[in-house]
C-alpha cells in the first residue's frame, strides 16, 4: 500500500488501497463477531469499519438498545466508505 502526502502533510490513501483496508477490517470484524457469538451467553456486538482518503477506523462495541455509534443511513457518508456488522438485536 502506498500513501501519498500532500504539501500540507495530509496523507492521501488511494481508492484501491481504501478497498483493501475495508477488506482487512471486514475480516477482523467477522472474527470479532464470531468470538462474541461463541461466548455464553452470546454477546451482541456491532463492528464499524470505515476508510477515507486520510485514514481507516475500526470500532466495536456491545449493542445496547437506544445507543448508536453511526448514522443509520450509510449512504449519507459521502467522504468515507463504511461497513457495519451486527451479531444480533440490541440487548435490554
N, C-alpha and C. Protein backbone atom coordinates (compact mmCIF):
# COMPACT_ATOMS: atom_id res chain seq x y z
N UNK A 1 0.85 -1.17 0.00
CA UNK A 1 0.00 0.00 0.00
C UNK A 1 0.89 1.24 0.00
N UNK A 2 0.48 2.20 -0.80
CA UNK A 2 1.22 3.45 -0.89
C UNK A 2 0.33 4.58 -0.39
N UNK A 3 0.89 5.40 0.47
CA UNK A 3 0.17 6.57 0.96
C UNK A 3 0.95 7.80 0.51
N UNK A 4 0.31 8.60 -0.31
CA UNK A 4 0.92 9.86 -0.74
C UNK A 4 0.69 10.91 0.33
N UNK A 5 1.51 11.94 0.30
CA UNK A 5 1.38 13.02 1.26
C UNK A 5 1.30 14.33 0.50
N UNK A 6 0.27 15.12 0.82
CA UNK A 6 0.11 16.43 0.18
C UNK A 6 1.15 17.40 0.73
N UNK A 7 1.28 18.55 0.10
CA UNK A 7 2.24 19.56 0.52
C UNK A 7 2.03 20.01 1.96
N UNK A 8 0.76 19.99 2.41
CA UNK A 8 0.47 20.41 3.78
C UNK A 8 0.65 19.28 4.80
N UNK A 9 1.11 18.11 4.33
CA UNK A 9 1.36 16.98 5.22
C UNK A 9 0.19 16.02 5.38
N UNK A 10 -0.94 16.32 4.74
CA UNK A 10 -2.11 15.43 4.84
C UNK A 10 -1.89 14.18 4.00
N UNK A 11 -2.13 13.00 4.62
CA UNK A 11 -1.96 11.75 3.85
C UNK A 11 -3.12 11.56 2.87
N UNK A 12 -2.86 10.84 1.78
CA UNK A 12 -3.88 10.53 0.79
C UNK A 12 -3.78 9.04 0.48
N UNK A 13 -4.83 8.30 0.82
CA UNK A 13 -4.87 6.87 0.57
C UNK A 13 -5.63 6.65 -0.74
N UNK A 14 -5.03 5.92 -1.67
CA UNK A 14 -5.63 5.67 -2.98
C UNK A 14 -6.90 4.84 -2.84
N UNK A 15 -7.79 4.97 -3.82
CA UNK A 15 -9.07 4.26 -3.83
C UNK A 15 -8.88 2.74 -3.69
N UNK A 16 -7.96 2.17 -4.44
CA UNK A 16 -7.73 0.72 -4.37
C UNK A 16 -7.25 0.31 -2.98
N UNK A 17 -6.42 1.14 -2.37
CA UNK A 17 -5.93 0.83 -1.03
C UNK A 17 -7.03 1.00 0.02
N UNK A 18 -7.96 1.92 -0.20
CA UNK A 18 -9.10 2.05 0.70
C UNK A 18 -9.94 0.77 0.69
N UNK A 19 -10.13 0.19 -0.51
CA UNK A 19 -10.87 -1.07 -0.61
C UNK A 19 -10.13 -2.19 0.11
N UNK A 20 -8.81 -2.22 -0.02
CA UNK A 20 -8.01 -3.22 0.69
C UNK A 20 -8.15 -3.06 2.20
N UNK A 21 -8.10 -1.84 2.69
CA UNK A 21 -8.27 -1.59 4.13
C UNK A 21 -9.65 -2.01 4.60
N UNK A 22 -10.69 -1.76 3.79
CA UNK A 22 -12.03 -2.22 4.15
C UNK A 22 -12.10 -3.73 4.23
N UNK A 23 -11.48 -4.40 3.27
CA UNK A 23 -11.48 -5.87 3.27
C UNK A 23 -10.77 -6.42 4.50
N UNK A 24 -9.65 -5.82 4.87
CA UNK A 24 -8.95 -6.25 6.08
C UNK A 24 -9.80 -6.00 7.33
N UNK A 25 -10.44 -4.85 7.38
CA UNK A 25 -11.33 -4.54 8.50
C UNK A 25 -12.51 -5.48 8.58
N UNK A 26 -13.05 -5.86 7.42
CA UNK A 26 -14.17 -6.81 7.38
C UNK A 26 -13.74 -8.16 7.93
N UNK A 27 -12.54 -8.61 7.57
CA UNK A 27 -12.03 -9.88 8.08
C UNK A 27 -11.92 -9.83 9.60
N UNK A 28 -11.38 -8.74 10.14
CA UNK A 28 -11.27 -8.59 11.59
C UNK A 28 -12.65 -8.54 12.24
N UNK A 29 -13.58 -7.81 11.63
CA UNK A 29 -14.94 -7.70 12.18
C UNK A 29 -15.63 -9.06 12.24
N UNK A 30 -15.50 -9.84 11.20
CA UNK A 30 -16.12 -11.16 11.19
C UNK A 30 -15.52 -12.04 12.29
N UNK A 31 -14.23 -11.93 12.52
CA UNK A 31 -13.58 -12.71 13.57
C UNK A 31 -14.08 -12.29 14.96
N UNK A 32 -14.15 -10.98 15.19
CA UNK A 32 -14.62 -10.48 16.48
C UNK A 32 -16.08 -10.87 16.71
N UNK A 33 -16.90 -10.77 15.69
CA UNK A 33 -18.31 -11.17 15.81
C UNK A 33 -18.43 -12.66 16.12
N UNK A 34 -17.60 -13.47 15.48
CA UNK A 34 -17.59 -14.91 15.76
C UNK A 34 -17.23 -15.16 17.22
N UNK A 35 -16.23 -14.46 17.73
CA UNK A 35 -15.85 -14.61 19.14
C UNK A 35 -17.00 -14.22 20.06
N UNK A 36 -17.70 -13.13 19.73
CA UNK A 36 -18.84 -12.70 20.54
C UNK A 36 -19.96 -13.72 20.56
N UNK A 37 -20.22 -14.35 19.42
CA UNK A 37 -21.28 -15.36 19.35
C UNK A 37 -20.90 -16.64 20.07
N UNK A 38 -19.60 -16.88 20.25
CA UNK A 38 -19.16 -18.14 20.86
C UNK A 38 -19.15 -18.09 22.39
N UNK A 39 -19.43 -16.92 22.99
CA UNK A 39 -19.47 -16.83 24.45
C UNK A 39 -20.83 -17.31 24.95
N UNK A 40 -20.91 -17.56 26.24
CA UNK A 40 -22.18 -17.99 26.83
C UNK A 40 -22.54 -17.04 27.95
N UNK A 41 -23.59 -16.28 27.86
CA UNK A 41 -24.46 -16.17 26.69
C UNK A 41 -23.77 -15.39 25.58
N UNK A 42 -24.23 -15.55 24.35
CA UNK A 42 -23.60 -14.85 23.22
C UNK A 42 -23.70 -13.33 23.38
N UNK A 43 -22.62 -12.65 23.05
CA UNK A 43 -22.61 -11.18 23.08
C UNK A 43 -23.13 -10.64 21.77
N UNK A 44 -23.91 -9.59 21.85
CA UNK A 44 -24.40 -8.92 20.66
C UNK A 44 -23.47 -7.74 20.39
N UNK A 45 -22.71 -7.85 19.31
CA UNK A 45 -21.64 -6.90 19.02
C UNK A 45 -21.89 -6.21 17.68
N UNK A 46 -21.50 -4.95 17.63
CA UNK A 46 -21.52 -4.19 16.37
C UNK A 46 -20.08 -3.78 16.05
N UNK A 47 -19.65 -4.09 14.84
CA UNK A 47 -18.34 -3.67 14.36
C UNK A 47 -18.55 -2.64 13.25
N UNK A 48 -17.78 -1.56 13.32
CA UNK A 48 -17.87 -0.50 12.33
C UNK A 48 -16.48 -0.31 11.73
N UNK A 49 -16.39 -0.48 10.42
CA UNK A 49 -15.14 -0.30 9.70
C UNK A 49 -15.36 0.86 8.72
N UNK A 50 -14.47 1.83 8.75
CA UNK A 50 -14.60 2.93 7.79
C UNK A 50 -13.23 3.32 7.28
N UNK A 51 -13.21 3.83 6.08
CA UNK A 51 -11.98 4.32 5.48
C UNK A 51 -12.30 5.51 4.58
N UNK A 52 -11.34 6.36 4.47
CA UNK A 52 -11.46 7.52 3.59
C UNK A 52 -10.09 7.81 3.00
N UNK A 53 -9.94 9.00 2.46
CA UNK A 53 -8.67 9.33 1.81
C UNK A 53 -7.54 9.59 2.80
N UNK A 54 -7.86 9.78 4.08
CA UNK A 54 -6.81 10.11 5.05
C UNK A 54 -6.62 9.09 6.17
N UNK A 55 -7.57 8.18 6.38
CA UNK A 55 -7.42 7.25 7.50
C UNK A 55 -8.34 6.05 7.39
N UNK A 56 -8.17 5.11 8.32
CA UNK A 56 -9.08 3.98 8.47
C UNK A 56 -9.41 3.89 9.95
N UNK A 57 -10.66 3.52 10.26
CA UNK A 57 -11.10 3.38 11.64
C UNK A 57 -11.79 2.05 11.81
N UNK A 58 -11.49 1.38 12.92
CA UNK A 58 -12.19 0.14 13.29
C UNK A 58 -12.68 0.33 14.70
N UNK A 59 -14.00 0.17 14.90
CA UNK A 59 -14.59 0.28 16.22
C UNK A 59 -15.50 -0.90 16.45
N UNK A 60 -15.62 -1.34 17.68
CA UNK A 60 -16.62 -2.34 18.00
C UNK A 60 -17.12 -2.09 19.41
N UNK A 61 -18.37 -2.47 19.64
CA UNK A 61 -18.97 -2.28 20.96
C UNK A 61 -20.14 -3.24 21.12
N UNK A 62 -20.57 -3.41 22.35
CA UNK A 62 -21.74 -4.22 22.63
C UNK A 62 -22.97 -3.45 22.20
N UNK A 63 -23.88 -4.14 21.53
CA UNK A 63 -25.11 -3.49 21.07
C UNK A 63 -26.04 -3.31 22.27
N UNK A 64 -26.50 -2.09 22.46
CA UNK A 64 -27.44 -1.77 23.53
C UNK A 64 -28.59 -0.96 22.93
N UNK A 65 -29.79 -1.26 23.38
CA UNK A 65 -30.97 -0.54 22.88
C UNK A 65 -30.79 0.96 23.11
N UNK A 66 -31.09 1.74 22.08
CA UNK A 66 -31.05 3.19 22.18
C UNK A 66 -29.69 3.81 21.95
N UNK A 67 -28.64 3.01 21.82
CA UNK A 67 -27.31 3.56 21.56
C UNK A 67 -26.95 3.36 20.09
N UNK A 68 -26.35 4.38 19.51
CA UNK A 68 -25.95 4.30 18.12
C UNK A 68 -24.60 5.00 17.97
N UNK A 69 -23.69 4.41 17.24
CA UNK A 69 -22.35 4.95 17.07
C UNK A 69 -22.12 5.41 15.63
N UNK A 70 -23.16 5.41 14.83
CA UNK A 70 -23.05 5.85 13.44
C UNK A 70 -24.43 6.28 12.98
N UNK A 71 -24.48 7.02 11.90
CA UNK A 71 -25.75 7.42 11.32
C UNK A 71 -26.34 6.20 10.61
N UNK A 72 -27.63 5.89 10.82
CA UNK A 72 -28.20 4.67 10.23
C UNK A 72 -28.22 4.66 8.70
N UNK A 73 -28.20 5.82 8.06
CA UNK A 73 -28.19 5.88 6.60
C UNK A 73 -26.73 5.90 6.12
N UNK A 74 -26.18 4.72 5.85
CA UNK A 74 -24.77 4.63 5.47
C UNK A 74 -24.49 5.32 4.15
N UNK A 75 -25.50 5.49 3.31
CA UNK A 75 -25.31 6.21 2.04
C UNK A 75 -25.04 7.69 2.28
N UNK A 76 -25.35 8.17 3.48
CA UNK A 76 -25.12 9.56 3.81
C UNK A 76 -23.65 9.89 4.03
N UNK A 77 -22.83 8.88 4.20
CA UNK A 77 -21.39 9.10 4.37
C UNK A 77 -20.77 9.28 2.99
N UNK A 78 -20.55 10.51 2.60
CA UNK A 78 -20.06 10.77 1.24
C UNK A 78 -18.54 10.86 1.17
N UNK A 79 -17.87 11.11 2.28
CA UNK A 79 -16.42 11.26 2.25
C UNK A 79 -15.68 10.00 2.70
N UNK A 80 -16.42 8.99 3.12
CA UNK A 80 -15.79 7.75 3.55
C UNK A 80 -16.65 6.56 3.17
N UNK A 81 -16.01 5.41 3.16
CA UNK A 81 -16.71 4.14 2.91
C UNK A 81 -16.88 3.46 4.25
N UNK A 82 -18.02 2.80 4.46
CA UNK A 82 -18.29 2.23 5.77
C UNK A 82 -18.97 0.89 5.67
N UNK A 83 -18.59 -0.02 6.57
CA UNK A 83 -19.23 -1.31 6.73
C UNK A 83 -19.65 -1.43 8.18
N UNK A 84 -20.90 -1.86 8.42
CA UNK A 84 -21.39 -2.08 9.79
C UNK A 84 -21.89 -3.52 9.86
N UNK A 85 -21.38 -4.27 10.84
CA UNK A 85 -21.77 -5.67 11.02
C UNK A 85 -22.31 -5.83 12.44
N UNK A 86 -23.51 -6.38 12.54
CA UNK A 86 -24.13 -6.68 13.84
C UNK A 86 -24.24 -8.18 14.03
N UNK A 87 -24.06 -8.63 15.28
CA UNK A 87 -24.22 -10.06 15.57
C UNK A 87 -25.62 -10.40 16.05
N UNK A 88 -26.43 -9.41 16.37
CA UNK A 88 -27.77 -9.70 16.87
C UNK A 88 -28.52 -8.43 17.21
N UNK A 89 -29.65 -8.60 17.86
CA UNK A 89 -30.51 -7.50 18.24
C UNK A 89 -29.99 -6.81 19.49
N UNK A 90 -30.37 -5.54 19.70
CA UNK A 90 -29.94 -4.85 20.91
C UNK A 90 -30.41 -5.55 22.16
N UNK A 91 -29.56 -5.55 23.18
CA UNK A 91 -29.95 -6.13 24.47
C UNK A 91 -30.68 -5.08 25.28
N UNK A 92 -31.45 -5.53 26.23
CA UNK A 92 -32.21 -4.58 27.03
C UNK A 92 -31.42 -4.11 28.23
